[in-house]
């Protein structure tokens, strides 16, 4: 889950969950750290 509170207009985006073939969140900011993706959900 991702609980999002105090949302701001700048949080508007398509949100994706993704899985990395690693047990730790190394380089989690970069999209290239992930191997599997969901289809995304729009948050406005």
ModelCIF file with pLDDT and N, C-alpha, C, O atoms, coordinates in Angstrom:
data_MODEL
#
_entry.id   MODEL 
#
_entity.id                         1 
_entity.type                       polymer 
_entity.pdbx_number_of_molecules   1 
#
_entity_poly.entity_id                      1 
_entity_poly.type                           'polypeptide(L)' 
_entity_poly.nstd_linkage                   no 
_entity_poly.nstd_monomer                   no 
_entity_poly.pdbx_seq_one_letter_code       
;(UNK)(UNK)(UNK)(UNK)(UNK)(UNK)(UNK)(UNK)(UNK)(UNK)(UNK)(UNK)(UNK)(UNK)(UNK)(UNK)
(UNK)(UNK)(UNK)(UNK)(UNK)(UNK)(UNK)(UNK)(UNK)(UNK)(UNK)(UNK)(UNK)(UNK)(UNK)(UNK)
(UNK)(UNK)(UNK)(UNK)(UNK)(UNK)(UNK)(UNK)(UNK)(UNK)(UNK)(UNK)
;
_entity_poly.pdbx_seq_one_letter_code_can   XXXXXXXXXXXXXXXXXXXXXXXXXXXXXXXXXXXXXXXXXXXX 
_entity_poly.pdbx_strand_id                 A 
#
loop_
_entity_poly_seq.entity_id 
_entity_poly_seq.num 
_entity_poly_seq.mon_id 
_entity_poly_seq.hetero 
1 1  UNK n 
1 2  UNK n 
1 3  UNK n 
1 4  UNK n 
1 5  UNK n 
1 6  UNK n 
1 7  UNK n 
1 8  UNK n 
1 9  UNK n 
1 10 UNK n 
1 11 UNK n 
1 12 UNK n 
1 13 UNK n 
1 14 UNK n 
1 15 UNK n 
1 16 UNK n 
1 17 UNK n 
1 18 UNK n 
1 19 UNK n 
1 20 UNK n 
1 21 UNK n 
1 22 UNK n 
1 23 UNK n 
1 24 UNK n 
1 25 UNK n 
1 26 UNK n 
1 27 UNK n 
1 28 UNK n 
1 29 UNK n 
1 30 UNK n 
1 31 UNK n 
1 32 UNK n 
1 33 UNK n 
1 34 UNK n 
1 35 UNK n 
1 36 UNK n 
1 37 UNK n 
1 38 UNK n 
1 39 UNK n 
1 40 UNK n 
1 41 UNK n 
1 42 UNK n 
1 43 UNK n 
1 44 UNK n 
#
_struct_asym.id          A 
_struct_asym.entity_id   1 
#
loop_
_ma_qa_metric.id 
_ma_qa_metric.mode 
_ma_qa_metric.name 
_ma_qa_metric.software_group_id 
_ma_qa_metric.type 
1 global pLDDT . pLDDT 
2 local  pLDDT . pLDDT 
#
_ma_qa_metric_global.metric_id      1 
_ma_qa_metric_global.metric_value   95.64 
_ma_qa_metric_global.model_id       1 
_ma_qa_metric_global.ordinal_id     1 
#
loop_
_ma_qa_metric_local.label_asym_id 
_ma_qa_metric_local.label_comp_id 
_ma_qa_metric_local.label_seq_id 
_ma_qa_metric_local.metric_id 
_ma_qa_metric_local.metric_value 
_ma_qa_metric_local.model_id 
_ma_qa_metric_local.ordinal_id 
A UNK 1  2 98.00 1 1  
A UNK 2  2 98.00 1 2  
A UNK 3  2 98.00 1 3  
A UNK 4  2 98.00 1 4  
A UNK 5  2 98.00 1 5  
A UNK 6  2 98.00 1 6  
A UNK 7  2 98.00 1 7  
A UNK 8  2 98.00 1 8  
A UNK 9  2 97.00 1 9  
A UNK 10 2 97.00 1 10 
A UNK 11 2 98.00 1 11 
A UNK 12 2 98.00 1 12 
A UNK 13 2 98.00 1 13 
A UNK 14 2 98.00 1 14 
A UNK 15 2 98.00 1 15 
A UNK 16 2 98.00 1 16 
A UNK 17 2 97.00 1 17 
A UNK 18 2 97.00 1 18 
A UNK 19 2 95.00 1 19 
A UNK 20 2 93.00 1 20 
A UNK 21 2 91.00 1 21 
A UNK 22 2 90.00 1 22 
A UNK 23 2 90.00 1 23 
A UNK 24 2 92.00 1 24 
A UNK 25 2 94.00 1 25 
A UNK 26 2 91.00 1 26 
A UNK 27 2 91.00 1 27 
A UNK 28 2 92.00 1 28 
A UNK 29 2 90.00 1 29 
A UNK 30 2 93.00 1 30 
A UNK 31 2 94.00 1 31 
A UNK 32 2 95.00 1 32 
A UNK 33 2 94.00 1 33 
A UNK 34 2 95.00 1 34 
A UNK 35 2 94.00 1 35 
A UNK 36 2 94.00 1 36 
A UNK 37 2 97.00 1 37 
A UNK 38 2 97.00 1 38 
A UNK 39 2 97.00 1 39 
A UNK 40 2 97.00 1 40 
A UNK 41 2 98.00 1 41 
A UNK 42 2 98.00 1 42 
A UNK 43 2 98.00 1 43 
A UNK 44 2 98.00 1 44 
#
loop_
_atom_site.group_PDB 
_atom_site.id 
_atom_site.type_symbol 
_atom_site.label_atom_id 
_atom_site.label_alt_id 
_atom_site.label_comp_id 
_atom_site.label_asym_id 
_atom_site.label_entity_id 
_atom_site.label_seq_id 
_atom_site.pdbx_PDB_ins_code 
_atom_site.Cartn_x 
_atom_site.Cartn_y 
_atom_site.Cartn_z 
_atom_site.occupancy 
_atom_site.B_iso_or_equiv 
_atom_site.pdbx_formal_charge 
_atom_site.auth_seq_id 
_atom_site.auth_comp_id 
_atom_site.auth_asym_id 
_atom_site.auth_atom_id 
_atom_site.pdbx_PDB_model_num 
ATOM 1   N N  . UNK A 1 1  ? 0.832  -1.203 0.000   1.00 98.00 ? 1  UNK A N  1 
ATOM 2   C CA . UNK A 1 1  ? 0.000  0.000  0.000   1.00 98.00 ? 1  UNK A CA 1 
ATOM 3   C C  . UNK A 1 1  ? 0.869  1.256  0.000   1.00 98.00 ? 1  UNK A C  1 
ATOM 4   O O  . UNK A 1 1  ? 2.016  1.248  0.448   1.00 98.00 ? 1  UNK A O  1 
ATOM 5   N N  . UNK A 1 2  ? 0.287  2.325  -0.514  1.00 98.00 ? 2  UNK A N  1 
ATOM 6   C CA . UNK A 1 2  ? 0.882  3.652  -0.368  1.00 98.00 ? 2  UNK A CA 1 
ATOM 7   C C  . UNK A 1 2  ? -0.205 4.575  0.146   1.00 98.00 ? 2  UNK A C  1 
ATOM 8   O O  . UNK A 1 2  ? -1.106 4.965  -0.596  1.00 98.00 ? 2  UNK A O  1 
ATOM 9   N N  . UNK A 1 3  ? -0.115 4.920  1.412   1.00 98.00 ? 3  UNK A N  1 
ATOM 10  C CA . UNK A 1 3  ? -1.053 5.873  2.013   1.00 98.00 ? 3  UNK A CA 1 
ATOM 11  C C  . UNK A 1 3  ? -0.524 7.270  1.753   1.00 98.00 ? 3  UNK A C  1 
ATOM 12  O O  . UNK A 1 3  ? 0.600  7.595  2.136   1.00 98.00 ? 3  UNK A O  1 
ATOM 13  N N  . UNK A 1 4  ? -1.328 8.095  1.105   1.00 98.00 ? 4  UNK A N  1 
ATOM 14  C CA . UNK A 1 4  ? -0.909 9.439  0.731   1.00 98.00 ? 4  UNK A CA 1 
ATOM 15  C C  . UNK A 1 4  ? -1.802 10.448 1.438   1.00 98.00 ? 4  UNK A C  1 
ATOM 16  O O  . UNK A 1 4  ? -3.007 10.503 1.194   1.00 98.00 ? 4  UNK A O  1 
ATOM 17  N N  . UNK A 1 5  ? -1.210 11.237 2.307   1.00 98.00 ? 5  UNK A N  1 
ATOM 18  C CA . UNK A 1 5  ? -1.933 12.269 3.052   1.00 98.00 ? 5  UNK A CA 1 
ATOM 19  C C  . UNK A 1 5  ? -1.440 13.653 2.663   1.00 98.00 ? 5  UNK A C  1 
ATOM 20  O O  . UNK A 1 5  ? -0.383 13.798 2.048   1.00 98.00 ? 5  UNK A O  1 
ATOM 21  N N  . UNK A 1 6  ? -2.209 14.659 3.025   1.00 98.00 ? 6  UNK A N  1 
ATOM 22  C CA . UNK A 1 6  ? -1.830 16.057 2.752   1.00 98.00 ? 6  UNK A CA 1 
ATOM 23  C C  . UNK A 1 6  ? -1.409 16.231 1.301   1.00 98.00 ? 6  UNK A C  1 
ATOM 24  O O  . UNK A 1 6  ? -0.361 16.809 1.013   1.00 98.00 ? 6  UNK A O  1 
ATOM 25  N N  . UNK A 1 7  ? -2.215 15.736 0.413   1.00 98.00 ? 7  UNK A N  1 
ATOM 26  C CA . UNK A 1 7  ? -1.857 15.752 -1.003  1.00 98.00 ? 7  UNK A CA 1 
ATOM 27  C C  . UNK A 1 7  ? -1.817 17.169 -1.552  1.00 98.00 ? 7  UNK A C  1 
ATOM 28  O O  . UNK A 1 7  ? -2.590 18.041 -1.156  1.00 98.00 ? 7  UNK A O  1 
ATOM 29  N N  . UNK A 1 8  ? -0.893 17.364 -2.472  1.00 98.00 ? 8  UNK A N  1 
ATOM 30  C CA . UNK A 1 8  ? -0.686 18.666 -3.108  1.00 98.00 ? 8  UNK A CA 1 
ATOM 31  C C  . UNK A 1 8  ? -0.896 18.535 -4.613  1.00 98.00 ? 8  UNK A C  1 
ATOM 32  O O  . UNK A 1 8  ? -0.783 17.434 -5.153  1.00 98.00 ? 8  UNK A O  1 
ATOM 33  N N  . UNK A 1 9  ? -1.197 19.625 -5.294  1.00 97.00 ? 9  UNK A N  1 
ATOM 34  C CA . UNK A 1 9  ? -1.350 19.548 -6.750  1.00 97.00 ? 9  UNK A CA 1 
ATOM 35  C C  . UNK A 1 9  ? -0.127 18.962 -7.439  1.00 97.00 ? 9  UNK A C  1 
ATOM 36  O O  . UNK A 1 9  ? -0.258 18.294 -8.465  1.00 97.00 ? 9  UNK A O  1 
ATOM 37  N N  . UNK A 1 10 ? 1.044  19.197 -6.898  1.00 97.00 ? 10 UNK A N  1 
ATOM 38  C CA . UNK A 1 10 ? 2.268  18.669 -7.519  1.00 97.00 ? 10 UNK A CA 1 
ATOM 39  C C  . UNK A 1 10 ? 2.431  17.165 -7.348  1.00 97.00 ? 10 UNK A C  1 
ATOM 40  O O  . UNK A 1 10 ? 3.355  16.575 -7.909  1.00 97.00 ? 10 UNK A O  1 
ATOM 41  N N  . UNK A 1 11 ? 1.543  16.535 -6.575  1.00 98.00 ? 11 UNK A N  1 
ATOM 42  C CA . UNK A 1 11 ? 1.541  15.075 -6.476  1.00 98.00 ? 11 UNK A CA 1 
ATOM 43  C C  . UNK A 1 11 ? 0.781  14.431 -7.638  1.00 98.00 ? 11 UNK A C  1 
ATOM 44  O O  . UNK A 1 11 ? 0.783  13.210 -7.789  1.00 98.00 ? 11 UNK A O  1 
ATOM 45  N N  . UNK A 1 12 ? 0.141  15.250 -8.443  1.00 98.00 ? 12 UNK A N  1 
ATOM 46  C CA . UNK A 1 12 ? -0.597 14.727 -9.591  1.00 98.00 ? 12 UNK A CA 1 
ATOM 47  C C  . UNK A 1 12 ? 0.337  13.993 -10.543 1.00 98.00 ? 12 UNK A C  1 
ATOM 48  O O  . UNK A 1 12 ? 1.346  14.539 -10.989 1.00 98.00 ? 12 UNK A O  1 
ATOM 49  N N  . UNK A 1 13 ? -0.017 12.742 -10.846 1.00 98.00 ? 13 UNK A N  1 
ATOM 50  C CA . UNK A 1 13 ? 0.841  11.900 -11.691 1.00 98.00 ? 13 UNK A CA 1 
ATOM 51  C C  . UNK A 1 13 ? 0.175  10.546 -11.875 1.00 98.00 ? 13 UNK A C  1 
ATOM 52  O O  . UNK A 1 13 ? -0.813 10.225 -11.216 1.00 98.00 ? 13 UNK A O  1 
ATOM 53  N N  . UNK A 1 14 ? 0.735  9.761  -12.784 1.00 98.00 ? 14 UNK A N  1 
ATOM 54  C CA . UNK A 1 14 ? 0.401  8.341  -12.839 1.00 98.00 ? 14 UNK A CA 1 
ATOM 55  C C  . UNK A 1 14 ? 1.352  7.632  -11.877 1.00 98.00 ? 14 UNK A C  1 
ATOM 56  O O  . UNK A 1 14 ? 2.570  7.798  -11.945 1.00 98.00 ? 14 UNK A O  1 
ATOM 57  N N  . UNK A 1 15 ? 0.772  6.850  -10.992 1.00 98.00 ? 15 UNK A N  1 
ATOM 58  C CA . UNK A 1 15 ? 1.555  6.134  -9.993  1.00 98.00 ? 15 UNK A CA 1 
ATOM 59  C C  . UNK A 1 15 ? 1.671  4.666  -10.393 1.00 98.00 ? 15 UNK A C  1 
ATOM 60  O O  . UNK A 1 15 ? 0.688  4.023  -10.763 1.00 98.00 ? 15 UNK A O  1 
ATOM 61  N N  . UNK A 1 16 ? 2.895  4.156  -10.308 1.00 98.00 ? 16 UNK A N  1 
ATOM 62  C CA . UNK A 1 16 ? 3.182  2.778  -10.668 1.00 98.00 ? 16 UNK A CA 1 
ATOM 63  C C  . UNK A 1 16 ? 3.781  2.044  -9.463  1.00 98.00 ? 16 UNK A C  1 
ATOM 64  O O  . UNK A 1 16 ? 4.563  2.621  -8.707  1.00 98.00 ? 16 UNK A O  1 
ATOM 65  N N  . UNK A 1 17 ? 3.421  0.803  -9.292  1.00 97.00 ? 17 UNK A N  1 
ATOM 66  C CA . UNK A 1 17 ? 4.197  -0.027 -8.391  1.00 97.00 ? 17 UNK A CA 1 
ATOM 67  C C  . UNK A 1 17 ? 5.094  -0.916 -9.239  1.00 97.00 ? 17 UNK A C  1 
ATOM 68  O O  . UNK A 1 17 ? 4.755  -1.271 -10.368 1.00 97.00 ? 17 UNK A O  1 
ATOM 69  N N  . UNK A 1 18 ? 6.230  -1.263 -8.682  1.00 97.00 ? 18 UNK A N  1 
ATOM 70  C CA . UNK A 1 18 ? 7.224  -2.014 -9.423  1.00 97.00 ? 18 UNK A CA 1 
ATOM 71  C C  . UNK A 1 18 ? 8.011  -2.905 -8.473  1.00 97.00 ? 18 UNK A C  1 
ATOM 72  O O  . UNK A 1 18 ? 8.163  -2.592 -7.292  1.00 97.00 ? 18 UNK A O  1 
ATOM 73  N N  . UNK A 1 19 ? 8.505  -4.012 -8.998  1.00 95.00 ? 19 UNK A N  1 
ATOM 74  C CA . UNK A 1 19 ? 9.288  -4.960 -8.218  1.00 95.00 ? 19 UNK A CA 1 
ATOM 75  C C  . UNK A 1 19 ? 10.711 -5.015 -8.756  1.00 95.00 ? 19 UNK A C  1 
ATOM 76  O O  . UNK A 1 19 ? 10.938 -5.045 -9.966  1.00 95.00 ? 19 UNK A O  1 
ATOM 77  N N  . UNK A 1 20 ? 11.650 -5.028 -7.839  1.00 93.00 ? 20 UNK A N  1 
ATOM 78  C CA . UNK A 1 20 ? 13.059 -5.142 -8.200  1.00 93.00 ? 20 UNK A CA 1 
ATOM 79  C C  . UNK A 1 20 ? 13.558 -6.516 -7.797  1.00 93.00 ? 20 UNK A C  1 
ATOM 80  O O  . UNK A 1 20 ? 13.200 -7.021 -6.733  1.00 93.00 ? 20 UNK A O  1 
ATOM 81  N N  . UNK A 1 21 ? 14.386 -7.128 -8.640  1.00 91.00 ? 21 UNK A N  1 
ATOM 82  C CA . UNK A 1 21 ? 14.970 -8.446 -8.333  1.00 91.00 ? 21 UNK A CA 1 
ATOM 83  C C  . UNK A 1 21 ? 16.095 -8.274 -7.337  1.00 91.00 ? 21 UNK A C  1 
ATOM 84  O O  . UNK A 1 21 ? 17.243 -8.635 -7.595  1.00 91.00 ? 21 UNK A O  1 
ATOM 85  N N  . UNK A 1 22 ? 15.743 -7.716 -6.198  1.00 90.00 ? 22 UNK A N  1 
ATOM 86  C CA . UNK A 1 22 ? 16.681 -7.463 -5.118  1.00 90.00 ? 22 UNK A CA 1 
ATOM 87  C C  . UNK A 1 22 ? 15.876 -7.355 -3.833  1.00 90.00 ? 22 UNK A C  1 
ATOM 88  O O  . UNK A 1 22 ? 14.778 -6.797 -3.844  1.00 90.00 ? 22 UNK A O  1 
ATOM 89  N N  . UNK A 1 23 ? 16.396 -7.878 -2.719  1.00 90.00 ? 23 UNK A N  1 
ATOM 90  C CA . UNK A 1 23 ? 15.635 -7.772 -1.469  1.00 90.00 ? 23 UNK A CA 1 
ATOM 91  C C  . UNK A 1 23 ? 15.719 -6.393 -0.817  1.00 90.00 ? 23 UNK A C  1 
ATOM 92  O O  . UNK A 1 23 ? 14.973 -6.101 0.119   1.00 90.00 ? 23 UNK A O  1 
ATOM 93  N N  . UNK A 1 24 ? 16.618 -5.551 -1.304  1.00 92.00 ? 24 UNK A N  1 
ATOM 94  C CA . UNK A 1 24 ? 16.788 -4.231 -0.695  1.00 92.00 ? 24 UNK A CA 1 
ATOM 95  C C  . UNK A 1 24 ? 16.484 -3.139 -1.713  1.00 92.00 ? 24 UNK A C  1 
ATOM 96  O O  . UNK A 1 24 ? 16.517 -3.360 -2.924  1.00 92.00 ? 24 UNK A O  1 
ATOM 97  N N  . UNK A 1 25 ? 16.187 -1.957 -1.184  1.00 94.00 ? 25 UNK A N  1 
ATOM 98  C CA . UNK A 1 25 ? 15.748 -0.836 -2.027  1.00 94.00 ? 25 UNK A CA 1 
ATOM 99  C C  . UNK A 1 25 ? 16.939 -0.031 -2.532  1.00 94.00 ? 25 UNK A C  1 
ATOM 100 O O  . UNK A 1 25 ? 16.975 1.192  -2.390  1.00 94.00 ? 25 UNK A O  1 
ATOM 101 N N  . UNK A 1 26 ? 17.892 -0.704 -3.109  1.00 91.00 ? 26 UNK A N  1 
ATOM 102 C CA . UNK A 1 26 ? 19.042 0.014  -3.628  1.00 91.00 ? 26 UNK A CA 1 
ATOM 103 C C  . UNK A 1 26 ? 18.650 0.792  -4.871  1.00 91.00 ? 26 UNK A C  1 
ATOM 104 O O  . UNK A 1 26 ? 18.089 0.229  -5.811  1.00 91.00 ? 26 UNK A O  1 
ATOM 105 N N  . UNK A 1 27 ? 18.945 2.085  -4.877  1.00 91.00 ? 27 UNK A N  1 
ATOM 106 C CA . UNK A 1 27 ? 18.645 2.900  -6.053  1.00 91.00 ? 27 UNK A CA 1 
ATOM 107 C C  . UNK A 1 27 ? 17.164 3.021  -6.345  1.00 91.00 ? 27 UNK A C  1 
ATOM 108 O O  . UNK A 1 27 ? 16.765 3.062  -7.508  1.00 91.00 ? 27 UNK A O  1 
ATOM 109 N N  . UNK A 1 28 ? 16.347 3.078  -5.311  1.00 92.00 ? 28 UNK A N  1 
ATOM 110 C CA . UNK A 1 28 ? 14.900 3.000  -5.492  1.00 92.00 ? 28 UNK A CA 1 
ATOM 111 C C  . UNK A 1 28 ? 14.315 4.198  -6.232  1.00 92.00 ? 28 UNK A C  1 
ATOM 112 O O  . UNK A 1 28 ? 13.205 4.117  -6.758  1.00 92.00 ? 28 UNK A O  1 
ATOM 113 N N  . UNK A 1 29 ? 15.056 5.319  -6.280  1.00 90.00 ? 29 UNK A N  1 
ATOM 114 C CA . UNK A 1 29 ? 14.540 6.493  -6.974  1.00 90.00 ? 29 UNK A CA 1 
ATOM 115 C C  . UNK A 1 29 ? 14.515 6.265  -8.490  1.00 90.00 ? 29 UNK A C  1 
ATOM 116 O O  . UNK A 1 29 ? 13.648 6.789  -9.189  1.00 90.00 ? 29 UNK A O  1 
ATOM 117 N N  . UNK A 1 30 ? 15.464 5.488  -8.982  1.00 93.00 ? 30 UNK A N  1 
ATOM 118 C CA . UNK A 1 30 ? 15.609 5.322  -10.431 1.00 93.00 ? 30 UNK A CA 1 
ATOM 119 C C  . UNK A 1 30 ? 14.669 4.256  -10.969 1.00 93.00 ? 30 UNK A C  1 
ATOM 120 O O  . UNK A 1 30 ? 14.543 3.182  -10.380 1.00 93.00 ? 30 UNK A O  1 
ATOM 121 N N  . UNK A 1 31 ? 14.016 4.543  -12.072 1.00 94.00 ? 31 UNK A N  1 
ATOM 122 C CA . UNK A 1 31 ? 13.127 3.574  -12.702 1.00 94.00 ? 31 UNK A CA 1 
ATOM 123 C C  . UNK A 1 31 ? 13.901 2.361  -13.189 1.00 94.00 ? 31 UNK A C  1 
ATOM 124 O O  . UNK A 1 31 ? 13.325 1.283  -13.340 1.00 94.00 ? 31 UNK A O  1 
ATOM 125 N N  . UNK A 1 32 ? 15.181 2.515  -13.436 1.00 95.00 ? 32 UNK A N  1 
ATOM 126 C CA . UNK A 1 32 ? 15.988 1.422  -13.979 1.00 95.00 ? 32 UNK A CA 1 
ATOM 127 C C  . UNK A 1 32 ? 16.358 0.388  -12.932 1.00 95.00 ? 32 UNK A C  1 
ATOM 128 O O  . UNK A 1 32 ? 16.975 -0.629 -13.250 1.00 95.00 ? 32 UNK A O  1 
ATOM 129 N N  . UNK A 1 33 ? 15.985 0.642  -11.683 1.00 94.00 ? 33 UNK A N  1 
ATOM 130 C CA . UNK A 1 33 ? 16.244 -0.327 -10.614 1.00 94.00 ? 33 UNK A CA 1 
ATOM 131 C C  . UNK A 1 33 ? 15.203 -1.425 -10.562 1.00 94.00 ? 33 UNK A C  1 
ATOM 132 O O  . UNK A 1 33 ? 15.357 -2.385 -9.807  1.00 94.00 ? 33 UNK A O  1 
ATOM 133 N N  . UNK A 1 34 ? 14.140 -1.303 -11.352 1.00 95.00 ? 34 UNK A N  1 
ATOM 134 C CA . UNK A 1 34 ? 12.992 -2.212 -11.252 1.00 95.00 ? 34 UNK A CA 1 
ATOM 135 C C  . UNK A 1 34 ? 12.864 -3.083 -12.492 1.00 95.00 ? 34 UNK A C  1 
ATOM 136 O O  . UNK A 1 34 ? 13.239 -2.694 -13.597 1.00 95.00 ? 34 UNK A O  1 
ATOM 137 N N  . UNK A 1 35 ? 12.323 -4.273 -12.270 1.00 94.00 ? 35 UNK A N  1 
ATOM 138 C CA . UNK A 1 35 ? 12.249 -5.272 -13.333 1.00 94.00 ? 35 UNK A CA 1 
ATOM 139 C C  . UNK A 1 35 ? 10.826 -5.608 -13.773 1.00 94.00 ? 35 UNK A C  1 
ATOM 140 O O  . UNK A 1 35 ? 10.609 -6.074 -14.891 1.00 94.00 ? 35 UNK A O  1 
ATOM 141 N N  . UNK A 1 36 ? 9.872  -5.372 -12.900 1.00 94.00 ? 36 UNK A N  1 
ATOM 142 C CA . UNK A 1 36 ? 8.481  -5.692 -13.216 1.00 94.00 ? 36 UNK A CA 1 
ATOM 143 C C  . UNK A 1 36 ? 7.621  -4.493 -12.840 1.00 94.00 ? 36 UNK A C  1 
ATOM 144 O O  . UNK A 1 36 ? 7.882  -3.798 -11.859 1.00 94.00 ? 36 UNK A O  1 
ATOM 145 N N  . UNK A 1 37 ? 6.583  -4.271 -13.651 1.00 97.00 ? 37 UNK A N  1 
ATOM 146 C CA . UNK A 1 37 ? 5.771  -3.071 -13.495 1.00 97.00 ? 37 UNK A CA 1 
ATOM 147 C C  . UNK A 1 37 ? 4.288  -3.389 -13.521 1.00 97.00 ? 37 UNK A C  1 
ATOM 148 O O  . UNK A 1 37 ? 3.836  -4.323 -14.184 1.00 97.00 ? 37 UNK A O  1 
ATOM 149 N N  . UNK A 1 38 ? 3.541  -2.573 -12.769 1.00 97.00 ? 38 UNK A N  1 
ATOM 150 C CA . UNK A 1 38 ? 2.100  -2.579 -12.914 1.00 97.00 ? 38 UNK A CA 1 
ATOM 151 C C  . UNK A 1 38 ? 1.703  -1.634 -14.033 1.00 97.00 ? 38 UNK A C  1 
ATOM 152 O O  . UNK A 1 38 ? 2.551  -1.016 -14.676 1.00 97.00 ? 38 UNK A O  1 
ATOM 153 N N  . UNK A 1 39 ? 0.389  -1.532 -14.257 1.00 97.00 ? 39 UNK A N  1 
ATOM 154 C CA . UNK A 1 39 ? -0.105 -0.738 -15.384 1.00 97.00 ? 39 UNK A CA 1 
ATOM 155 C C  . UNK A 1 39 ? -0.247 0.747  -15.035 1.00 97.00 ? 39 UNK A C  1 
ATOM 156 O O  . UNK A 1 39 ? -0.403 1.574  -15.933 1.00 97.00 ? 39 UNK A O  1 
ATOM 157 N N  . UNK A 1 40 ? -0.198 1.088  -13.774 1.00 97.00 ? 40 UNK A N  1 
ATOM 158 C CA . UNK A 1 40 ? -0.303 2.479  -13.354 1.00 97.00 ? 40 UNK A CA 1 
ATOM 159 C C  . UNK A 1 40 ? -1.717 2.878  -12.983 1.00 97.00 ? 40 UNK A C  1 
ATOM 160 O O  . UNK A 1 40 ? -2.689 2.316  -13.488 1.00 97.00 ? 40 UNK A O  1 
ATOM 161 N N  . UNK A 1 41 ? -1.820 3.855  -12.094 1.00 98.00 ? 41 UNK A N  1 
ATOM 162 C CA . UNK A 1 41 ? -3.114 4.409  -11.697 1.00 98.00 ? 41 UNK A CA 1 
ATOM 163 C C  . UNK A 1 41 ? -2.971 5.928  -11.583 1.00 98.00 ? 41 UNK A C  1 
ATOM 164 O O  . UNK A 1 41 ? -1.990 6.433  -11.036 1.00 98.00 ? 41 UNK A O  1 
ATOM 165 N N  . UNK A 1 42 ? -3.960 6.642  -12.106 1.00 98.00 ? 42 UNK A N  1 
ATOM 166 C CA . UNK A 1 42 ? -3.886 8.109  -12.145 1.00 98.00 ? 42 UNK A CA 1 
ATOM 167 C C  . UNK A 1 42 ? -4.302 8.690  -10.810 1.00 98.00 ? 42 UNK A C  1 
ATOM 168 O O  . UNK A 1 42 ? -5.322 8.306  -10.238 1.00 98.00 ? 42 UNK A O  1 
ATOM 169 N N  . UNK A 1 43 ? -3.498 9.622  -10.321 1.00 98.00 ? 43 UNK A N  1 
ATOM 170 C CA . UNK A 1 43 ? -3.833 10.414 -9.135  1.00 98.00 ? 43 UNK A CA 1 
ATOM 171 C C  . UNK A 1 43 ? -3.851 11.879 -9.556  1.00 98.00 ? 43 UNK A C  1 
ATOM 172 O O  . UNK A 1 43 ? -2.858 12.396 -10.069 1.00 98.00 ? 43 UNK A O  1 
ATOM 173 N N  . UNK A 1 44 ? -4.977 12.540 -9.339  1.00 98.00 ? 44 UNK A N  1 
ATOM 174 C CA . UNK A 1 44 ? -5.129 13.949 -9.677  1.00 98.00 ? 44 UNK A CA 1 
ATOM 175 C C  . UNK A 1 44 ? -5.521 14.718 -8.428  1.00 98.00 ? 44 UNK A C  1 
ATOM 176 O O  . UNK A 1 44 ? -5.703 15.934 -8.483  1.00 98.00 ? 44 UNK A O  1 
#
